[in-house]
Amino acid sequence: QVQLVESGGGLVQAGGSLRLSCAASGSIFRFNAMGWYRQAPGKQRELVAEITSGGSANYADSVKGRFTISTDNAKNTVYLQMNSLKPEDTAVYYCNAVKLRHYWGQGTQVTVSS
């Protein structure tokens, strides 16, 4: 049973920073990729950033240069460092892992005030 538990969301002013964490049950080596998605009210869930088991990272154009995805394999954790946050980054952020299927965390709210 795969469990993904996110933490680190909250309220921040525009221009501020937050770091999201996603702790996975078991070794994250078994996943082909891990990533972060977000869903704003009235919008579809979208990919924010993902990192493959080989270490290649991919970002949405809207967050390139501001967000960084990373992993700590010893802690079975994936992080999303978010800098220079904008009000349009406000959303529920979901951790995702892929191995034959997608696994999802419960989501963590990020609110950026202007």
C-alpha atoms as a PDB file:
ATOM      1  CA  GLN A   1       0.000   0.000   0.000  1.00  0.00           C
ATOM      2  CA  VAL A   2       1.523   3.282  -1.108  1.00  0.00           C
ATOM      3  CA  GLN A   3       0.972   6.297   1.094  1.00  0.00           C
ATOM      4  CA  LEU A   4       2.039   9.837   0.266  1.00  0.00           C
ATOM      5  CA  VAL A   5       1.760  12.437   3.005  1.00  0.00           C
ATOM      6  CA  GLU A   6       2.249  16.108   2.149  1.00  0.00           C
ATOM      7  CA  SER A   7       3.141  18.912   4.517  1.00  0.00           C
ATOM      8  CA  GLY A   8       4.391  22.482   4.363  1.00  0.00           C
ATOM      9  CA  GLY A   9       1.479  24.363   2.854  1.00  0.00           C
ATOM     10  CA  GLY A  10       0.159  27.575   4.304  1.00  0.00           C
ATOM     11  CA  LEU A  11      -0.478  31.263   3.797  1.00  0.00           C
ATOM     12  CA  VAL A  12       2.296  33.492   2.481  1.00  0.00           C
ATOM     13  CA  GLN A  13       2.543  36.954   0.984  1.00  0.00           C
ATOM     14  CA  ALA A  14       3.416  37.455  -2.642  1.00  0.00           C
ATOM     15  CA  GLY A  15       7.164  37.234  -3.124  1.00  0.00           C
ATOM     16  CA  GLY A  16       7.571  34.839  -0.236  1.00  0.00           C
ATOM     17  CA  SER A  17       8.674  31.215  -0.122  1.00  0.00           C
ATOM     18  CA  LEU A  18       7.351  27.860   1.031  1.00  0.00           C
ATOM     19  CA  ARG A  19       8.742  24.357   0.945  1.00  0.00           C
ATOM     20  CA  LEU A  20       6.414  21.433   0.480  1.00  0.00           C
ATOM     21  CA  SER A  21       7.392  17.946   1.594  1.00  0.00           C
ATOM     22  CA  CYS A  22       5.965  14.592   0.579  1.00  0.00           C
ATOM     23  CA  ALA A  23       6.894  11.568   2.620  1.00  0.00           C
ATOM     24  CA  ALA A  24       6.358   8.250   0.861  1.00  0.00           C
ATOM     25  CA  SER A  25       5.857   4.903   2.531  1.00  0.00           C
ATOM     26  CA  GLY A  26       8.721   2.661   1.533  1.00  0.00           C
ATOM     27  CA  SER A  27      11.570   3.439  -0.801  1.00  0.00           C
ATOM     28  CA  ILE A  28      10.983   6.078  -3.470  1.00  0.00           C
ATOM     29  CA  PHE A  29      13.422   4.235  -5.702  1.00  0.00           C
ATOM     30  CA  ARG A  30      10.593   1.961  -6.733  1.00  0.00           C
ATOM     31  CA  PHE A  31       8.741   4.828  -8.417  1.00  0.00           C
ATOM     32  CA  ASN A  32       9.424   5.752 -12.028  1.00  0.00           C
ATOM     33  CA  ALA A  33       8.752   9.391 -11.218  1.00  0.00           C
ATOM     34  CA  MET A  34       7.479  11.623  -8.458  1.00  0.00           C
ATOM     35  CA  GLY A  35       6.019  15.043  -8.782  1.00  0.00           C
ATOM     36  CA  TRP A  36       3.753  17.812  -7.661  1.00  0.00           C
ATOM     37  CA  TYR A  37       0.453  18.816  -9.198  1.00  0.00           C
ATOM     38  CA  ARG A  38      -1.859  21.643  -8.218  1.00  0.00           C
ATOM     39  CA  GLN A  39      -5.515  22.439  -8.590  1.00  0.00           C
ATOM     40  CA  ALA A  40      -6.974  25.902  -8.202  1.00  0.00           C
ATOM     41  CA  PRO A  41     -10.720  26.445  -7.683  1.00  0.00           C
ATOM     42  CA  GLY A  42     -12.608  25.948 -10.927  1.00  0.00           C
ATOM     43  CA  LYS A  43      -9.540  24.725 -12.774  1.00  0.00           C
ATOM     44  CA  GLN A  44      -8.157  21.372 -13.797  1.00  0.00           C
ATOM     45  CA  ARG A  45      -5.332  19.738 -11.944  1.00  0.00           C
ATOM     46  CA  GLU A  46      -2.025  20.588 -13.596  1.00  0.00           C
ATOM     47  CA  LEU A  47       1.528  19.358 -13.390  1.00  0.00           C
ATOM     48  CA  VAL A  48       3.841  21.704 -11.527  1.00  0.00           C
ATOM     49  CA  ALA A  49       7.069  19.709 -11.437  1.00  0.00           C
ATOM     50  CA  GLU A  50       8.219  16.135 -11.692  1.00  0.00           C
ATOM     51  CA  ILE A  51      11.463  14.254 -11.238  1.00  0.00           C
ATOM     52  CA  THR A  52      12.290  10.846 -12.635  1.00  0.00           C
ATOM     53  CA  SER A  53      14.080   8.051 -10.850  1.00  0.00           C
ATOM     54  CA  GLY A  54      17.108   9.000 -12.954  1.00  0.00           C
ATOM     55  CA  GLY A  55      17.069  12.524 -11.566  1.00  0.00           C
ATOM     56  CA  SER A  56      15.684  14.416 -14.571  1.00  0.00           C
ATOM     57  CA  ALA A  57      13.374  17.268 -13.594  1.00  0.00           C
ATOM     58  CA  ASN A  58      10.595  18.870 -15.598  1.00  0.00           C
ATOM     59  CA  TYR A  59       8.685  22.047 -14.728  1.00  0.00           C
ATOM     60  CA  ALA A  60       5.584  23.852 -15.882  1.00  0.00           C
ATOM     61  CA  ASP A  61       6.493  27.024 -17.751  1.00  0.00           C
ATOM     62  CA  SER A  62       4.670  29.105 -15.155  1.00  0.00           C
ATOM     63  CA  VAL A  63       7.022  28.007 -12.354  1.00  0.00           C
ATOM     64  CA  LYS A  64      10.359  27.655 -14.145  1.00  0.00           C
ATOM     65  CA  GLY A  65      13.073  29.598 -12.362  1.00  0.00           C
ATOM     66  CA  ARG A  66      10.969  29.917  -9.193  1.00  0.00           C
ATOM     67  CA  PHE A  67      10.272  26.339  -8.066  1.00  0.00           C
ATOM     68  CA  THR A  68      12.712  23.493  -7.513  1.00  0.00           C
ATOM     69  CA  ILE A  69      11.868  19.828  -7.049  1.00  0.00           C
ATOM     70  CA  SER A  70      14.280  17.559  -5.213  1.00  0.00           C
ATOM     71  CA  THR A  71      14.402  14.231  -3.419  1.00  0.00           C
ATOM     72  CA  ASP A  72      16.019  12.846  -0.300  1.00  0.00           C
ATOM     73  CA  ASN A  73      16.202   9.142  -0.964  1.00  0.00           C
ATOM     74  CA  ALA A  74      17.367   8.357   2.561  1.00  0.00           C
ATOM     75  CA  LYS A  75      14.177   9.954   3.907  1.00  0.00           C
ATOM     76  CA  ASN A  76      11.899   8.706   1.105  1.00  0.00           C
ATOM     77  CA  THR A  77      10.831  12.298   0.651  1.00  0.00           C
ATOM     78  CA  VAL A  78      10.308  14.618  -2.290  1.00  0.00           C
ATOM     79  CA  TYR A  79      10.353  18.389  -1.846  1.00  0.00           C
ATOM     80  CA  LEU A  80       9.078  21.377  -3.745  1.00  0.00           C
ATOM     81  CA  GLN A  81      10.876  24.611  -2.928  1.00  0.00           C
ATOM     82  CA  MET A  82       8.707  27.500  -4.031  1.00  0.00           C
ATOM     83  CA  ASN A  83      10.216  30.968  -4.234  1.00  0.00           C
ATOM     84  CA  SER A  84       8.897  34.297  -5.509  1.00  0.00           C
ATOM     85  CA  LEU A  85       5.363  33.092  -4.985  1.00  0.00           C
ATOM     86  CA  LYS A  86       2.541  34.808  -6.831  1.00  0.00           C
ATOM     87  CA  PRO A  87      -1.192  34.964  -6.056  1.00  0.00           C
ATOM     88  CA  GLU A  88      -1.794  32.775  -9.110  1.00  0.00           C
ATOM     89  CA  ASP A  89       0.168  30.007  -7.380  1.00  0.00           C
ATOM     90  CA  THR A  90      -2.701  29.651  -4.918  1.00  0.00           C
ATOM     91  CA  ALA A  91      -4.020  26.090  -5.129  1.00  0.00           C
ATOM     92  CA  VAL A  92      -4.172  22.742  -3.437  1.00  0.00           C
ATOM     93  CA  TYR A  93      -0.875  20.998  -4.135  1.00  0.00           C
ATOM     94  CA  TYR A  94      -0.822  17.234  -4.521  1.00  0.00           C
ATOM     95  CA  CYS A  95       2.108  14.873  -4.331  1.00  0.00           C
ATOM     96  CA  ASN A  96       2.166  12.235  -7.058  1.00  0.00           C
ATOM     97  CA  ALA A  97       4.105   9.032  -7.600  1.00  0.00           C
ATOM     98  CA  VAL A  98       4.079   6.814 -10.663  1.00  0.00           C
ATOM     99  CA  LYS A  99       4.660   3.059 -10.808  1.00  0.00           C
ATOM    100  CA  LEU A 100       2.311   1.308 -13.221  1.00  0.00           C
ATOM    101  CA  ARG A 101      -0.330   3.763 -11.998  1.00  0.00           C
ATOM    102  CA  HIS A 102      -0.570   7.181 -10.338  1.00  0.00           C
ATOM    103  CA  TYR A 103      -0.633   7.473  -6.576  1.00  0.00           C
ATOM    104  CA  TRP A 104      -1.791  10.670  -4.863  1.00  0.00           C
ATOM    105  CA  GLY A 105      -1.410  12.368  -1.532  1.00  0.00           C
ATOM    106  CA  GLN A 106      -4.260  14.101   0.233  1.00  0.00           C
ATOM    107  CA  GLY A 107      -3.197  17.582  -0.823  1.00  0.00           C
ATOM    108  CA  THR A 108      -1.965  20.652   1.005  1.00  0.00           C
ATOM    109  CA  GLN A 109      -3.326  24.165   0.594  1.00  0.00           C
ATOM    110  CA  VAL A 110      -1.042  26.958  -0.553  1.00  0.00           C
ATOM    111  CA  THR A 111      -2.469  30.469  -0.421  1.00  0.00           C
ATOM    112  CA  VAL A 112      -0.517  33.472  -1.693  1.00  0.00           C
ATOM    113  CA  SER A 113      -1.893  36.860  -0.755  1.00  0.00           C
ATOM    114  CA  SER A 114      -1.256  39.978  -2.823  1.00  0.00           C
END
